[in-house]
Amino acid sequence: AYLAIADELDARVVLDLGCGTGNLALLLARHGRTVV
């Protein structure tokens, strides 16, 4: 759902706050985002 929202908002640079073990950050990066 968060990947879909990133698509919806055309977000290219994403900050994942409280990223934990990195699951969302890795998903976003695999789909071409610049992720912190």
All heavy atoms as atom14 arrays in JSON, in Angstrom:
{
  "sequence": "AYLAIADELDARVVLDLGCGTGNLALLLARHGRTVV",
  "atom14_mask": [
    [1, 1, 1, 1, 1, 0, 0, 0, 0, 0, 0, 0, 0, 0],
    [1, 1, 1, 1, 1, 1, 1, 1, 1, 1, 1, 1, 0, 0],
    [1, 1, 1, 1, 1, 1, 1, 1, 0, 0, 0, 0, 0, 0],
    [1, 1, 1, 1, 1, 0, 0, 0, 0, 0, 0, 0, 0, 0],
    [1, 1, 1, 1, 1, 1, 1, 1, 0, 0, 0, 0, 0, 0],
    [1, 1, 1, 1, 1, 0, 0, 0, 0, 0, 0, 0, 0, 0],
    [1, 1, 1, 1, 1, 1, 1, 1, 0, 0, 0, 0, 0, 0],
    [1, 1, 1, 1, 1, 1, 1, 1, 1, 0, 0, 0, 0, 0],
    [1, 1, 1, 1, 1, 1, 1, 1, 0, 0, 0, 0, 0, 0],
    [1, 1, 1, 1, 1, 1, 1, 1, 0, 0, 0, 0, 0, 0],
    [1, 1, 1, 1, 1, 0, 0, 0, 0, 0, 0, 0, 0, 0],
    [1, 1, 1, 1, 1, 1, 1, 1, 1, 1, 1, 0, 0, 0],
    [1, 1, 1, 1, 1, 1, 1, 0, 0, 0, 0, 0, 0, 0],
    [1, 1, 1, 1, 1, 1, 1, 0, 0, 0, 0, 0, 0, 0],
    [1, 1, 1, 1, 1, 1, 1, 1, 0, 0, 0, 0, 0, 0],
    [1, 1, 1, 1, 1, 1, 1, 1, 0, 0, 0, 0, 0, 0],
    [1, 1, 1, 1, 1, 1, 1, 1, 0, 0, 0, 0, 0, 0],
    [1, 1, 1, 1, 0, 0, 0, 0, 0, 0, 0, 0, 0, 0],
    [1, 1, 1, 1, 1, 1, 0, 0, 0, 0, 0, 0, 0, 0],
    [1, 1, 1, 1, 0, 0, 0, 0, 0, 0, 0, 0, 0, 0],
    [1, 1, 1, 1, 1, 1, 1, 0, 0, 0, 0, 0, 0, 0],
    [1, 1, 1, 1, 0, 0, 0, 0, 0, 0, 0, 0, 0, 0],
    [1, 1, 1, 1, 1, 1, 1, 1, 0, 0, 0, 0, 0, 0],
    [1, 1, 1, 1, 1, 1, 1, 1, 0, 0, 0, 0, 0, 0],
    [1, 1, 1, 1, 1, 0, 0, 0, 0, 0, 0, 0, 0, 0],
    [1, 1, 1, 1, 1, 1, 1, 1, 0, 0, 0, 0, 0, 0],
    [1, 1, 1, 1, 1, 1, 1, 1, 0, 0, 0, 0, 0, 0],
    [1, 1, 1, 1, 1, 1, 1, 1, 0, 0, 0, 0, 0, 0],
    [1, 1, 1, 1, 1, 0, 0, 0, 0, 0, 0, 0, 0, 0],
    [1, 1, 1, 1, 1, 1, 1, 1, 1, 1, 1, 0, 0, 0],
    [1, 1, 1, 1, 1, 1, 1, 1, 1, 1, 0, 0, 0, 0],
    [1, 1, 1, 1, 0, 0, 0, 0, 0, 0, 0, 0, 0, 0],
    [1, 1, 1, 1, 1, 1, 1, 1, 1, 1, 1, 0, 0, 0],
    [1, 1, 1, 1, 1, 1, 1, 0, 0, 0, 0, 0, 0, 0],
    [1, 1, 1, 1, 1, 1, 1, 0, 0, 0, 0, 0, 0, 0],
    [1, 1, 1, 1, 1, 1, 1, 0, 0, 0, 0, 0, 0, 0]
  ],
  "atom14_positions": [
    [[0.83, -1.21, 0.0], [0.0, 0.0, 0.0], [0.86, 1.26, 0.0], [0.51, 2.27, -0.62], [-0.93, -0.01, 1.21], [0.0, 0.0, 0.0], [0.0, 0.0, 0.0], [0.0, 0.0, 0.0], [0.0, 0.0, 0.0], [0.0, 0.0, 0.0], [0.0, 0.0, 0.0], [0.0, 0.0, 0.0], [0.0, 0.0, 0.0], [0.0, 0.0, 0.0]],
    [[2.01, 1.2, 0.68], [2.89, 2.36, 0.71], [3.61, 2.55, -0.62], [3.85, 3.68, -1.05], [3.89, 2.23, 1.86], [3.27, 2.53, 3.2], [2.61, 1.54, 3.92], [3.31, 3.82, 3.73], [2.02, 1.82, 5.14], [2.72, 4.1, 4.95], [2.07, 3.11, 5.65], [1.47, 3.39, 6.84], [0.0, 0.0, 0.0], [0.0, 0.0, 0.0]],
    [[3.93, 1.46, -1.27], [4.5, 1.56, -2.61], [3.49, 2.19, -3.56], [3.84, 3.05, -4.38], [4.91, 0.17, -3.12], [5.47, 0.11, -4.54], [6.74, 0.93, -4.67], [5.73, -1.34, -4.94], [0.0, 0.0, 0.0], [0.0, 0.0, 0.0], [0.0, 0.0, 0.0], [0.0, 0.0, 0.0], [0.0, 0.0, 0.0], [0.0, 0.0, 0.0]],
    [[2.23, 1.8, -3.43], [1.19, 2.37, -4.29], [1.02, 3.86, -4.02], [0.81, 4.65, -4.95], [-0.13, 1.63, -4.06], [0.0, 0.0, 0.0], [0.0, 0.0, 0.0], [0.0, 0.0, 0.0], [0.0, 0.0, 0.0], [0.0, 0.0, 0.0], [0.0, 0.0, 0.0], [0.0, 0.0, 0.0], [0.0, 0.0, 0.0], [0.0, 0.0, 0.0]],
    [[1.13, 4.26, -2.76], [1.01, 5.69, -2.43], [2.2, 6.45, -3.0], [2.04, 7.57, -3.51], [0.9, 5.88, -0.91], [-0.46, 5.37, -0.43], [1.07, 7.35, -0.54], [-0.62, 5.36, 1.08], [0.0, 0.0, 0.0], [0.0, 0.0, 0.0], [0.0, 0.0, 0.0], [0.0, 0.0, 0.0], [0.0, 0.0, 0.0], [0.0, 0.0, 0.0]],
    [[3.39, 5.88, -2.94], [4.56, 6.52, -3.54], [4.35, 6.72, -5.04], [4.71, 7.77, -5.6], [5.82, 5.7, -3.27], [0.0, 0.0, 0.0], [0.0, 0.0, 0.0], [0.0, 0.0, 0.0], [0.0, 0.0, 0.0], [0.0, 0.0, 0.0], [0.0, 0.0, 0.0], [0.0, 0.0, 0.0], [0.0, 0.0, 0.0], [0.0, 0.0, 0.0]],
    [[3.74, 5.73, -5.69], [3.41, 5.86, -7.11], [2.39, 6.97, -7.32], [2.53, 7.81, -8.22], [2.85, 4.55, -7.65], [3.91, 3.46, -7.79], [5.11, 3.8, -7.87], [3.53, 2.28, -7.84], [0.0, 0.0, 0.0], [0.0, 0.0, 0.0], [0.0, 0.0, 0.0], [0.0, 0.0, 0.0], [0.0, 0.0, 0.0], [0.0, 0.0, 0.0]],
    [[1.36, 6.96, -6.51], [0.27, 7.94, -6.62], [0.79, 9.37, -6.48], [0.37, 10.28, -7.2], [-0.77, 7.65, -5.54], [-1.88, 8.66, -5.41], [-2.73, 8.4, -4.17], [-2.77, 7.24, -3.69], [-3.36, 9.34, -3.68], [0.0, 0.0, 0.0], [0.0, 0.0, 0.0], [0.0, 0.0, 0.0], [0.0, 0.0, 0.0], [0.0, 0.0, 0.0]],
    [[1.74, 9.58, -5.57], [2.26, 10.91, -5.3], [3.48, 11.25, -6.16], [4.04, 12.34, -6.02], [2.64, 11.02, -3.81], [1.49, 10.81, -2.81], [2.02, 10.84, -1.39], [0.4, 11.87, -3.01], [0.0, 0.0, 0.0], [0.0, 0.0, 0.0], [0.0, 0.0, 0.0], [0.0, 0.0, 0.0], [0.0, 0.0, 0.0], [0.0, 0.0, 0.0]],
    [[3.89, 10.29, -6.99], [5.08, 10.46, -7.83], [6.29, 10.85, -6.99], [7.05, 11.77, -7.34], [4.83, 11.51, -8.93], [5.9, 11.46, -10.02], [6.51, 10.39, -10.21], [6.14, 12.51, -10.66], [0.0, 0.0, 0.0], [0.0, 0.0, 0.0], [0.0, 0.0, 0.0], [0.0, 0.0, 0.0], [0.0, 0.0, 0.0], [0.0, 0.0, 0.0]],
    [[6.45, 10.16, -5.88], [7.55, 10.45, -4.95], [8.83, 9.78, -5.43], [8.87, 8.56, -5.58], [7.19, 9.96, -3.55], [0.0, 0.0, 0.0], [0.0, 0.0, 0.0], [0.0, 0.0, 0.0], [0.0, 0.0, 0.0], [0.0, 0.0, 0.0], [0.0, 0.0, 0.0], [0.0, 0.0, 0.0], [0.0, 0.0, 0.0], [0.0, 0.0, 0.0]],
    [[9.87, 10.55, -5.63], [11.14, 10.01, -6.09], [12.13, 9.84, -4.94], [12.98, 8.96, -4.97], [11.75, 10.9, -7.17], [10.83, 11.26, -8.32], [10.09, 10.05, -8.87], [10.99, 8.96, -9.26], [10.6, 7.74, -9.56], [9.31, 7.42, -9.46], [11.47, 6.82, -9.92], [0.0, 0.0, 0.0], [0.0, 0.0, 0.0], [0.0, 0.0, 0.0]],
    [[12.09, 10.73, -3.95], [12.99, 10.66, -2.8], [12.12, 10.38, -1.57], [11.23, 11.17, -1.23], [13.78, 11.97, -2.61], [14.68, 11.87, -1.37], [14.59, 12.29, -3.85], [0.0, 0.0, 0.0], [0.0, 0.0, 0.0], [0.0, 0.0, 0.0], [0.0, 0.0, 0.0], [0.0, 0.0, 0.0], [0.0, 0.0, 0.0], [0.0, 0.0, 0.0]],
    [[12.38, 9.26, -0.9], [11.52, 8.82, 0.2], [12.35, 8.66, 1.47], [13.42, 8.03, 1.46], [10.81, 7.49, -0.13], [9.87, 7.1, 1.0], [10.05, 7.59, -1.45], [0.0, 0.0, 0.0], [0.0, 0.0, 0.0], [0.0, 0.0, 0.0], [0.0, 0.0, 0.0], [0.0, 0.0, 0.0], [0.0, 0.0, 0.0], [0.0, 0.0, 0.0]],
    [[11.83, 9.21, 2.55], [12.39, 9.04, 3.88], [11.56, 8.01, 4.63], [10.35, 8.2, 4.81], [12.38, 10.38, 4.63], [12.55, 10.33, 6.15], [13.92, 9.8, 6.53], [12.3, 11.72, 6.74], [0.0, 0.0, 0.0], [0.0, 0.0, 0.0], [0.0, 0.0, 0.0], [0.0, 0.0, 0.0], [0.0, 0.0, 0.0], [0.0, 0.0, 0.0]],
    [[12.18, 6.91, 5.02], [11.5, 5.86, 5.79], [11.94, 6.0, 7.24], [13.02, 5.55, 7.62], [11.85, 4.49, 5.23], [11.14, 3.36, 5.94], [10.19, 3.63, 6.7], [11.53, 2.19, 5.74], [0.0, 0.0, 0.0], [0.0, 0.0, 0.0], [0.0, 0.0, 0.0], [0.0, 0.0, 0.0], [0.0, 0.0, 0.0], [0.0, 0.0, 0.0]],
    [[11.11, 6.67, 8.04], [11.45, 6.95, 9.43], [11.04, 5.77, 10.31], [9.9, 5.33, 10.27], [10.74, 8.22, 9.89], [11.08, 8.71, 11.3], [12.54, 9.1, 11.4], [10.18, 9.87, 11.68], [0.0, 0.0, 0.0], [0.0, 0.0, 0.0], [0.0, 0.0, 0.0], [0.0, 0.0, 0.0], [0.0, 0.0, 0.0], [0.0, 0.0, 0.0]],
    [[12.0, 5.29, 11.12], [11.74, 4.07, 11.88], [11.76, 2.88, 10.97], [10.9, 2.0, 11.03], [0.0, 0.0, 0.0], [0.0, 0.0, 0.0], [0.0, 0.0, 0.0], [0.0, 0.0, 0.0], [0.0, 0.0, 0.0], [0.0, 0.0, 0.0], [0.0, 0.0, 0.0], [0.0, 0.0, 0.0], [0.0, 0.0, 0.0], [0.0, 0.0, 0.0]],
    [[12.78, 2.83, 10.13], [12.83, 1.82, 9.05], [13.04, 0.41, 9.55], [12.81, -0.55, 8.82], [13.94, 2.18, 8.06], [15.62, 2.13, 8.74], [0.0, 0.0, 0.0], [0.0, 0.0, 0.0], [0.0, 0.0, 0.0], [0.0, 0.0, 0.0], [0.0, 0.0, 0.0], [0.0, 0.0, 0.0], [0.0, 0.0, 0.0], [0.0, 0.0, 0.0]],
    [[13.49, 0.24, 10.8], [13.67, -1.1, 11.35], [14.62, -1.94, 10.53], [15.73, -1.5, 10.2], [0.0, 0.0, 0.0], [0.0, 0.0, 0.0], [0.0, 0.0, 0.0], [0.0, 0.0, 0.0], [0.0, 0.0, 0.0], [0.0, 0.0, 0.0], [0.0, 0.0, 0.0], [0.0, 0.0, 0.0], [0.0, 0.0, 0.0], [0.0, 0.0, 0.0]],
    [[14.2, -3.13, 10.16], [15.06, -4.04, 9.4], [15.0, -3.78, 7.9], [15.5, -4.58, 7.11], [14.69, -5.5, 9.69], [13.31, -5.71, 9.38], [14.95, -5.85, 11.15], [0.0, 0.0, 0.0], [0.0, 0.0, 0.0], [0.0, 0.0, 0.0], [0.0, 0.0, 0.0], [0.0, 0.0, 0.0], [0.0, 0.0, 0.0], [0.0, 0.0, 0.0]],
    [[14.38, -2.67, 7.49], [14.54, -2.17, 6.13], [13.59, -2.69, 5.07], [13.81, -2.44, 3.89], [0.0, 0.0, 0.0], [0.0, 0.0, 0.0], [0.0, 0.0, 0.0], [0.0, 0.0, 0.0], [0.0, 0.0, 0.0], [0.0, 0.0, 0.0], [0.0, 0.0, 0.0], [0.0, 0.0, 0.0], [0.0, 0.0, 0.0], [0.0, 0.0, 0.0]],
    [[12.5, -3.34, 5.45], [11.65, -3.97, 4.44], [11.02, -2.97, 3.47], [11.02, -3.18, 2.26], [10.56, -4.81, 5.12], [11.14, -6.0, 5.85], [11.97, -6.72, 5.31], [10.73, -6.2, 7.09], [0.0, 0.0, 0.0], [0.0, 0.0, 0.0], [0.0, 0.0, 0.0], [0.0, 0.0, 0.0], [0.0, 0.0, 0.0], [0.0, 0.0, 0.0]],
    [[10.46, -1.87, 3.99], [9.85, -0.89, 3.1], [10.92, -0.17, 2.29], [10.75, 0.05, 1.08], [9.03, 0.12, 3.89], [8.42, 1.25, 3.05], [7.5, 0.7, 1.97], [7.67, 2.25, 3.93], [0.0, 0.0, 0.0], [0.0, 0.0, 0.0], [0.0, 0.0, 0.0], [0.0, 0.0, 0.0], [0.0, 0.0, 0.0], [0.0, 0.0, 0.0]],
    [[12.02, 0.21, 2.92], [13.09, 0.91, 2.21], [13.59, 0.09, 1.03], [13.79, 0.61, -0.08], [14.24, 1.22, 3.17], [0.0, 0.0, 0.0], [0.0, 0.0, 0.0], [0.0, 0.0, 0.0], [0.0, 0.0, 0.0], [0.0, 0.0, 0.0], [0.0, 0.0, 0.0], [0.0, 0.0, 0.0], [0.0, 0.0, 0.0], [0.0, 0.0, 0.0]],
    [[13.77, -1.2, 1.24], [14.25, -2.08, 0.16], [13.22, -2.22, -0.94], [13.57, -2.22, -2.13], [14.6, -3.44, 0.74], [15.85, -3.45, 1.65], [15.83, -4.66, 2.57], [17.1, -3.45, 0.8], [0.0, 0.0, 0.0], [0.0, 0.0, 0.0], [0.0, 0.0, 0.0], [0.0, 0.0, 0.0], [0.0, 0.0, 0.0], [0.0, 0.0, 0.0]],
    [[11.94, -2.31, -0.57], [10.89, -2.4, -1.57], [10.86, -1.15, -2.45], [10.78, -1.23, -3.69], [9.54, -2.59, -0.88], [8.29, -2.62, -1.77], [8.31, -3.82, -2.69], [7.02, -2.62, -0.9], [0.0, 0.0, 0.0], [0.0, 0.0, 0.0], [0.0, 0.0, 0.0], [0.0, 0.0, 0.0], [0.0, 0.0, 0.0], [0.0, 0.0, 0.0]],
    [[10.96, 0.01, -1.82], [10.94, 1.27, -2.57], [12.17, 1.39, -3.47], [12.07, 1.83, -4.62], [10.89, 2.44, -1.59], [9.58, 2.6, -0.82], [9.76, 3.54, 0.35], [8.46, 3.1, -1.73], [0.0, 0.0, 0.0], [0.0, 0.0, 0.0], [0.0, 0.0, 0.0], [0.0, 0.0, 0.0], [0.0, 0.0, 0.0], [0.0, 0.0, 0.0]],
    [[13.32, 1.0, -2.95], [14.55, 1.08, -3.75], [14.49, 0.17, -4.97], [14.97, 0.52, -6.05], [15.77, 0.75, -2.88], [0.0, 0.0, 0.0], [0.0, 0.0, 0.0], [0.0, 0.0, 0.0], [0.0, 0.0, 0.0], [0.0, 0.0, 0.0], [0.0, 0.0, 0.0], [0.0, 0.0, 0.0], [0.0, 0.0, 0.0], [0.0, 0.0, 0.0]],
    [[13.9, -1.03, -4.79], [13.78, -1.95, -5.92], [12.9, -1.38, -7.03], [13.01, -1.78, -8.19], [13.21, -3.29, -5.44], [14.19, -4.14, -4.66], [13.71, -5.58, -4.58], [12.45, -5.72, -3.89], [12.33, -5.92, -2.58], [13.41, -5.97, -1.81], [11.14, -6.05, -2.03], [0.0, 0.0, 0.0], [0.0, 0.0, 0.0], [0.0, 0.0, 0.0]],
    [[12.04, -0.43, -6.67], [11.15, 0.18, -7.65], [11.65, 1.57, -8.05], [10.85, 2.42, -8.48], [9.72, 0.25, -7.11], [9.03, -1.07, -7.12], [9.24, -2.03, -6.14], [8.15, -1.63, -8.0], [8.51, -3.1, -6.42], [7.84, -2.89, -7.54], [0.0, 0.0, 0.0], [0.0, 0.0, 0.0], [0.0, 0.0, 0.0], [0.0, 0.0, 0.0]],
    [[12.94, 1.8, -7.9], [13.56, 2.96, -8.5], [13.58, 4.23, -7.67], [13.99, 5.28, -8.17], [0.0, 0.0, 0.0], [0.0, 0.0, 0.0], [0.0, 0.0, 0.0], [0.0, 0.0, 0.0], [0.0, 0.0, 0.0], [0.0, 0.0, 0.0], [0.0, 0.0, 0.0], [0.0, 0.0, 0.0], [0.0, 0.0, 0.0], [0.0, 0.0, 0.0]],
    [[13.18, 4.15, -6.39], [13.21, 5.34, -5.55], [14.59, 5.56, -4.94], [15.34, 4.61, -4.71], [12.2, 5.23, -4.41], [10.83, 5.81, -4.71], [10.13, 5.03, -5.73], [8.81, 5.58, -6.02], [7.89, 4.91, -6.7], [8.14, 3.69, -7.12], [6.73, 5.46, -6.97], [0.0, 0.0, 0.0], [0.0, 0.0, 0.0], [0.0, 0.0, 0.0]],
    [[14.9, 6.81, -4.66], [16.03, 7.15, -3.81], [15.51, 7.12, -2.38], [14.55, 7.83, -2.05], [16.57, 8.54, -4.15], [17.06, 8.53, -5.49], [17.71, 8.92, -3.2], [0.0, 0.0, 0.0], [0.0, 0.0, 0.0], [0.0, 0.0, 0.0], [0.0, 0.0, 0.0], [0.0, 0.0, 0.0], [0.0, 0.0, 0.0], [0.0, 0.0, 0.0]],
    [[16.11, 6.3, -1.53], [15.54, 6.04, -0.21], [16.56, 6.31, 0.88], [17.74, 5.95, 0.77], [15.05, 4.58, -0.09], [14.35, 4.36, 1.25], [14.12, 4.22, -1.25], [0.0, 0.0, 0.0], [0.0, 0.0, 0.0], [0.0, 0.0, 0.0], [0.0, 0.0, 0.0], [0.0, 0.0, 0.0], [0.0, 0.0, 0.0], [0.0, 0.0, 0.0]],
    [[16.08, 6.94, 1.95], [16.86, 7.13, 3.16], [16.13, 6.42, 4.29], [14.96, 6.72, 4.57], [17.04, 8.63, 3.51], [17.85, 8.79, 4.79], [17.7, 9.37, 2.35], [0.0, 0.0, 0.0], [0.0, 0.0, 0.0], [0.0, 0.0, 0.0], [0.0, 0.0, 0.0], [0.0, 0.0, 0.0], [0.0, 0.0, 0.0], [0.0, 0.0, 0.0]]
  ]
}
